[in-house]
């Protein structure tokens, strides 16, 4: 598989702090790579180094097989960047904003017009071409921000939390658009604080913390790293402490929590945990409203590896 990005032994130091600590990874052509980590993990610093917006202390970065430098304009012309902060011109319409940013790369007017229309269709702004940014909702404004960053049809796209604080309709529209970009041949690096988005669109994931890679793989591969194998949640209005202690002593149990009328039991292994727990509740005449079992989630793995929630 062809690599679009190759990073080897990347280090970025601020005085005595290593914001990026000996990172090595590749990004494959045509994939969506999720770059995850709690705040302060080194995600933004890593991306800024990749884009040559920051000088790094040591290591190497190659993009499209060439060393990335501040003056690598041939490489940068093939890159699209959509930062978390919206950056558009208030005095220009939706169409003219996209035209301006696309025009930085595409000089042919006929080709540029087609590219602009493609970008507008991709993000679903057909009805808003003549609107000004101040007339757009937050979700529509983020769609415009994305269109401006990808209108020149870059081969490599960096998307930094593009769905922050948007409505569900805009979120779904944005995620569908990102998948279309990948299907059309773009390679994408994606950061987000929404784990469900990662599971929906990312082909592969890197988990960072304190400047180091803790784990990498597909969503399913990362879930296999979890120390727990099953989680059972039971809705019980009242549960005495002695029953909680009994359940803790059951085989395969890793942890038991009871808060706000919800009993959460995690198991390290076992195939009949749900049946055995239901039998225990029945034998002790403990009434419950709902009970369900689930496998470890990607968020469980993230919490185990970093000690934090993704949104922390």
Protein backbone atom coordinates (compact mmCIF):
# COMPACT_ATOMS: atom_id res chain seq x y z
CA UNK A 1 0.00 0.00 0.00
CA UNK A 2 1.39 3.39 -1.03
CA UNK A 3 2.22 5.83 1.75
CA UNK A 4 1.17 9.46 1.38
CA UNK A 5 2.85 10.46 4.67
CA UNK A 6 5.91 8.92 6.30
CA UNK A 7 6.99 10.17 9.73
CA UNK A 8 10.14 8.81 11.38
CA UNK A 9 11.40 9.54 14.89
CA UNK A 10 9.71 12.95 15.05
CA UNK A 11 10.56 15.01 18.13
CA UNK A 12 9.35 18.50 18.99
CA UNK A 13 10.65 20.05 22.20
CA UNK A 14 9.68 23.21 24.04
CA UNK A 15 12.52 23.87 26.46
CA UNK A 16 12.39 20.73 28.66
CA UNK A 17 8.99 19.50 27.46
CA UNK A 18 8.65 16.99 24.62
CA UNK A 19 5.35 17.85 22.97
CA UNK A 20 6.05 15.16 20.36
CA UNK A 21 8.16 12.27 21.59
CA UNK A 22 9.80 10.13 18.89
CA UNK A 23 6.74 9.55 16.70
CA UNK A 24 6.92 7.20 13.73
CA UNK A 25 3.89 6.35 11.58
CA UNK A 26 2.58 6.21 8.02
CA UNK A 27 -0.64 7.36 6.40
CA UNK A 28 -1.77 5.19 3.51
CA UNK A 29 -3.15 6.49 0.24
CA UNK A 30 -6.95 6.66 0.18
CA UNK A 31 -7.58 6.11 3.90
CA UNK A 32 -9.17 8.18 6.63
CA UNK A 33 -6.78 8.15 9.59
CA UNK A 34 -8.24 9.19 12.94
CA UNK A 35 -5.72 11.00 15.13
CA UNK A 36 -7.09 10.82 18.68
CA UNK A 37 -5.86 12.03 22.02
CA UNK A 38 -6.94 14.04 25.06
CA UNK A 39 -6.20 17.74 25.22
CA UNK A 40 -2.43 18.28 25.40
CA UNK A 41 -1.63 14.92 23.82
CA UNK A 42 0.38 16.42 20.95
CA UNK A 43 -2.17 16.15 18.11
CA UNK A 44 -2.08 19.80 17.07
CA UNK A 45 1.69 20.02 17.39
CA UNK A 46 2.08 16.90 15.24
CA UNK A 47 -0.21 18.30 12.54
CA UNK A 48 1.59 21.65 12.56
CA UNK A 49 4.89 19.83 12.12
CA UNK A 50 3.45 17.81 9.23
CA UNK A 51 2.30 21.02 7.55
CA UNK A 52 5.69 22.61 8.19
CA UNK A 53 4.07 25.36 10.24
CA UNK A 54 6.41 24.46 13.11
CA UNK A 55 10.08 23.65 13.13
CA UNK A 56 10.70 20.30 14.82
CA UNK A 57 13.72 19.26 16.86
CA UNK A 58 14.62 16.06 15.00
CA UNK A 59 13.24 13.30 12.80
CA UNK A 60 11.93 13.33 9.25
CA UNK A 61 8.63 13.97 7.46
CA UNK A 62 7.93 12.91 3.90
CA UNK A 63 4.73 13.73 2.04
CA UNK A 64 4.08 12.27 -1.40
CA UNK A 65 7.57 10.76 -1.17
CA UNK A 66 9.32 14.12 -0.74
CA UNK A 67 10.79 15.80 2.32
CA UNK A 68 8.33 18.37 3.68
CA UNK A 69 9.81 21.87 4.12
CA UNK A 70 8.35 25.36 4.68
CA UNK A 71 8.94 26.20 1.01
CA UNK A 72 7.62 22.90 -0.40
CA UNK A 73 4.91 24.70 -2.36
CA UNK A 74 4.54 21.86 -4.86
CA UNK A 75 3.53 19.58 -1.97
CA UNK A 76 1.38 22.19 -0.23
CA UNK A 77 -0.65 22.79 -3.39
CA UNK A 78 -1.90 19.20 -3.09
CA UNK A 79 -2.96 19.66 0.56
CA UNK A 80 -6.25 20.96 1.97
CA UNK A 81 -6.55 22.11 5.57
CA UNK A 82 -9.74 22.76 7.54
CA UNK A 83 -8.94 24.01 11.02
CA UNK A 84 -11.40 24.02 13.92
CA UNK A 85 -11.74 27.81 13.85
CA UNK A 86 -13.87 28.99 10.93
CA UNK A 87 -11.86 31.19 8.55
CA UNK A 88 -13.96 32.82 5.83
CA UNK A 89 -14.50 36.37 4.57
CA UNK A 90 -17.62 38.01 6.02
CA UNK A 91 -17.92 40.44 3.09
CA UNK A 92 -18.03 37.65 0.48
CA UNK A 93 -20.94 35.36 -0.38
CA UNK A 94 -20.74 31.58 -0.02
CA UNK A 95 -19.89 31.22 -3.72
CA UNK A 96 -17.31 34.02 -3.70
CA UNK A 97 -15.62 32.67 -0.56
CA UNK A 98 -15.14 29.28 -2.19
CA UNK A 99 -14.06 30.95 -5.44
CA UNK A 100 -11.38 32.94 -3.61
CA UNK A 101 -9.81 29.97 -1.83
CA UNK A 102 -10.06 27.72 -4.87
CA UNK A 103 -8.49 30.48 -6.98
CA UNK A 104 -5.34 30.34 -4.89
CA UNK A 105 -4.61 27.01 -6.63
CA UNK A 106 -6.79 26.78 -9.74
CA UNK A 107 -6.23 29.60 -12.25
CA UNK A 108 -8.29 28.23 -15.14
CA UNK A 109 -11.69 29.94 -14.72
CA UNK A 110 -13.74 27.23 -16.41
CA UNK A 111 -12.12 24.46 -14.36
CA UNK A 112 -12.39 26.52 -11.18
CA UNK A 113 -16.13 27.07 -11.74
CA UNK A 114 -16.64 23.31 -11.98
CA UNK A 115 -14.56 22.73 -8.84
CA UNK A 116 -16.60 25.32 -6.93
CA UNK A 117 -19.87 23.68 -7.96
CA UNK A 118 -18.50 20.27 -6.95
CA UNK A 119 -17.52 21.62 -3.50
CA UNK A 120 -20.92 23.27 -2.99
CA UNK A 121 -22.68 20.04 -3.90
CA UNK A 122 -20.39 17.98 -1.66
CA UNK A 123 -21.27 19.98 1.48
CA UNK A 124 -24.90 20.63 0.53
CA UNK A 125 -24.87 24.41 0.11
CA UNK A 126 -26.71 24.60 -3.23
CA UNK A 127 -29.47 26.77 -1.76
CA UNK A 128 -27.07 29.17 -0.04
CA UNK A 129 -24.69 30.31 -2.81
CA UNK A 130 -25.69 33.98 -2.50
CA UNK A 131 -25.81 34.03 1.31
CA UNK A 132 -23.21 35.85 3.39
CA UNK A 133 -21.55 34.07 6.35
CA UNK A 134 -23.50 36.11 8.91
CA UNK A 135 -26.72 34.74 7.41
CA UNK A 136 -25.67 31.10 7.93
CA UNK A 137 -26.29 28.88 10.95
CA UNK A 138 -23.31 27.39 12.76
CA UNK A 139 -23.65 24.10 10.90
CA UNK A 140 -23.88 25.76 7.48
CA UNK A 141 -20.91 27.96 8.33
CA UNK A 142 -18.82 24.87 9.08
CA UNK A 143 -19.89 23.35 5.78
CA UNK A 144 -18.69 26.52 4.04
CA UNK A 145 -15.40 26.32 5.92
CA UNK A 146 -14.90 22.76 4.65
CA UNK A 147 -15.82 23.71 1.08
CA UNK A 148 -13.21 26.48 1.11
CA UNK A 149 -10.53 24.03 2.27
CA UNK A 150 -11.23 21.26 -0.23
CA UNK A 151 -12.51 23.08 -3.34
CA UNK A 152 -9.17 22.72 -5.19
CA UNK A 153 -9.50 18.90 -4.91
CA UNK A 154 -6.43 18.25 -2.76
CA UNK A 155 -4.96 14.76 -2.57
CA UNK A 156 -4.30 15.09 1.18
CA UNK A 157 -6.77 16.73 3.58
CA UNK A 158 -6.41 17.65 7.26
CA UNK A 159 -9.73 18.01 9.08
CA UNK A 160 -9.47 19.34 12.64
CA UNK A 161 -12.75 18.78 14.50
CA UNK A 162 -14.98 19.87 11.60
CA UNK A 163 -18.24 18.97 13.37
CA UNK A 164 -17.80 20.86 16.64
CA UNK A 165 -21.06 22.43 17.86
CA UNK A 166 -23.10 21.65 14.74
CA UNK A 167 -26.65 20.34 14.44
CA UNK A 168 -27.25 16.63 13.69
CA UNK A 169 -28.26 17.29 10.08
CA UNK A 170 -25.08 19.23 9.36
CA UNK A 171 -23.00 16.60 11.16
CA UNK A 172 -24.41 13.82 9.00
CA UNK A 173 -23.94 15.94 5.88
CA UNK A 174 -20.31 16.65 6.79
CA UNK A 175 -19.53 13.00 7.57
CA UNK A 176 -21.12 11.86 4.29
CA UNK A 177 -19.05 14.46 2.45
CA UNK A 178 -15.84 13.27 4.09
CA UNK A 179 -16.53 9.69 3.03
CA UNK A 180 -17.16 10.92 -0.53
CA UNK A 181 -13.79 12.69 -0.51
CA UNK A 182 -12.12 9.43 0.52
CA UNK A 183 -14.06 7.48 -2.11
CA UNK A 184 -12.90 9.99 -4.72
CA UNK A 185 -9.26 9.24 -3.86
CA UNK A 186 -8.35 11.74 -1.14
CA UNK A 187 -6.29 10.75 1.89
CA UNK A 188 -7.62 12.30 5.11
CA UNK A 189 -6.26 12.92 8.61
CA UNK A 190 -9.17 13.45 10.96
CA UNK A 191 -9.26 14.72 14.53
CA UNK A 192 -12.41 14.83 16.65
CA UNK A 193 -13.73 14.67 20.20
CA UNK A 194 -16.66 12.49 19.11
CA UNK A 195 -15.78 8.82 19.35
CA UNK A 196 -18.88 7.76 17.41
CA UNK A 197 -17.58 9.69 14.39
CA UNK A 198 -14.30 7.81 14.53
CA UNK A 199 -16.12 4.47 14.44
CA UNK A 200 -18.26 5.61 11.51
CA UNK A 201 -15.65 7.02 9.12
CA UNK A 202 -12.08 6.15 10.13
CA UNK A 203 -10.30 3.27 8.40
CA UNK A 204 -7.48 3.33 10.94
CA UNK A 205 -6.82 5.08 14.24
CA UNK A 206 -3.79 6.36 16.13
CA UNK A 207 -4.18 7.11 19.85
CA UNK A 208 -1.73 9.70 21.16
CA UNK A 209 -0.97 10.83 24.69
CA UNK A 210 1.88 12.93 26.03
CA UNK A 211 3.41 13.05 22.58
CA UNK A 212 3.63 9.28 22.18
CA UNK A 213 1.66 6.71 20.20
CA UNK A 214 -0.12 4.41 22.64
CA UNK A 215 -1.89 2.26 20.07
CA UNK A 216 -2.72 2.08 16.38
CA UNK A 217 -5.08 -0.08 14.33
CA UNK A 218 -8.63 -0.40 13.08
CA UNK A 219 -11.53 0.16 15.46
CA UNK A 220 -11.98 -3.61 15.89
CA UNK A 221 -8.25 -4.17 16.43
CA UNK A 222 -8.14 -1.50 19.15
CA UNK A 223 -11.19 -2.94 20.91
CA UNK A 224 -9.29 -6.21 21.30
CA UNK A 225 -6.83 -4.33 23.53
CA UNK A 226 -9.49 -3.78 26.19
CA UNK A 227 -8.96 -5.76 29.38
CA UNK A 228 -12.72 -6.24 29.70
CA UNK A 229 -14.70 -8.52 27.41
CA UNK A 230 -18.28 -7.63 28.34
CA UNK A 231 -20.29 -4.91 30.05
CA UNK A 232 -23.73 -5.56 31.51
CA UNK A 233 -26.00 -2.69 32.52
CA UNK A 234 -29.06 -3.24 34.71
CA UNK A 235 -31.70 -0.66 35.62
CA UNK A 236 -32.58 -1.29 39.29
CA UNK A 237 -34.45 1.26 41.37
CA UNK A 238 -33.00 0.09 44.70
CA UNK A 239 -30.07 -2.24 45.37
CA UNK A 240 -28.66 -2.96 48.80
CA UNK A 241 -24.92 -2.89 49.40
CA UNK A 242 -24.71 -6.58 50.34
CA UNK A 243 -25.97 -7.59 46.88
CA UNK A 244 -23.37 -5.35 45.25
CA UNK A 245 -20.64 -7.06 47.28
CA UNK A 246 -21.97 -10.49 46.27
CA UNK A 247 -21.86 -9.58 42.59
CA UNK A 248 -18.29 -8.33 42.98
CA UNK A 249 -17.31 -11.83 44.13
CA UNK A 250 -18.81 -13.52 41.07
CA UNK A 251 -16.42 -15.18 38.62
CA UNK A 252 -14.92 -13.10 35.80
CA UNK A 253 -16.11 -9.82 37.35
CA UNK A 254 -13.67 -6.95 36.94
CA UNK A 255 -15.63 -4.05 38.41
CA UNK A 256 -19.09 -3.25 39.78
CA UNK A 257 -20.62 0.22 39.96
CA UNK A 258 -24.09 1.28 41.10
CA UNK A 259 -25.10 4.90 40.55
CA UNK A 260 -28.38 6.66 39.70
CA UNK A 261 -30.33 3.36 39.68
CA UNK A 262 -27.93 1.81 37.15
CA UNK A 263 -25.84 -1.25 37.93
CA UNK A 264 -22.79 -1.61 35.68
CA UNK A 265 -20.87 -4.89 35.83
CA UNK A 266 -17.75 -5.41 33.71
CA UNK A 267 -16.28 -8.85 33.02
CA UNK A 268 -12.80 -9.85 31.93
CA UNK A 269 -14.04 -12.97 30.13
CA UNK A 270 -16.84 -15.56 30.04
CA UNK A 271 -19.74 -16.44 27.75
CA UNK A 272 -22.64 -16.88 30.20
CA UNK A 273 -22.22 -13.75 32.30
CA UNK A 274 -25.61 -12.29 31.39
CA UNK A 275 -27.48 -15.53 32.17
CA UNK A 276 -25.70 -15.96 35.49
CA UNK A 277 -26.38 -12.39 36.56
CA UNK A 278 -30.06 -12.70 35.65
CA UNK A 279 -30.29 -15.93 37.67
CA UNK A 280 -28.69 -14.22 40.67
CA UNK A 281 -31.19 -11.34 40.50
CA UNK A 282 -34.08 -13.79 40.20
CA UNK A 283 -32.90 -15.95 43.11
CA UNK A 284 -32.66 -12.89 45.35
CA UNK A 285 -35.97 -11.48 44.12
CA UNK A 286 -34.32 -8.29 42.91
CA UNK A 287 -36.64 -6.50 40.49
CA UNK A 288 -35.14 -4.72 37.50
CA UNK A 289 -36.56 -2.76 34.57
CA UNK A 290 -33.98 -3.24 31.82
CA UNK A 291 -30.87 -5.33 31.32
CA UNK A 292 -28.51 -5.42 28.36
CA UNK A 293 -25.03 -6.58 27.44
CA UNK A 294 -22.44 -4.95 25.19
CA UNK A 295 -18.86 -5.52 24.13
CA UNK A 296 -16.08 -3.02 24.95
CA UNK A 297 -16.31 0.21 23.01
CA UNK A 298 -13.53 2.25 21.48
CA UNK A 299 -14.09 4.75 24.26
CA UNK A 300 -13.39 2.02 26.85
CA UNK A 301 -10.04 1.34 25.18
CA UNK A 302 -9.23 5.04 25.01
CA UNK A 303 -10.03 5.44 28.71
CA UNK A 304 -7.85 2.46 29.64
CA UNK A 305 -4.89 3.69 27.62
CA UNK A 306 -4.99 7.40 28.53
CA UNK A 307 -6.90 7.46 31.80
CA UNK A 308 -9.16 10.13 30.30
CA UNK A 309 -12.32 10.47 28.25
CA UNK A 310 -11.81 11.70 24.69
CA UNK A 311 -13.72 14.89 25.50
CA UNK A 312 -11.56 15.68 28.59
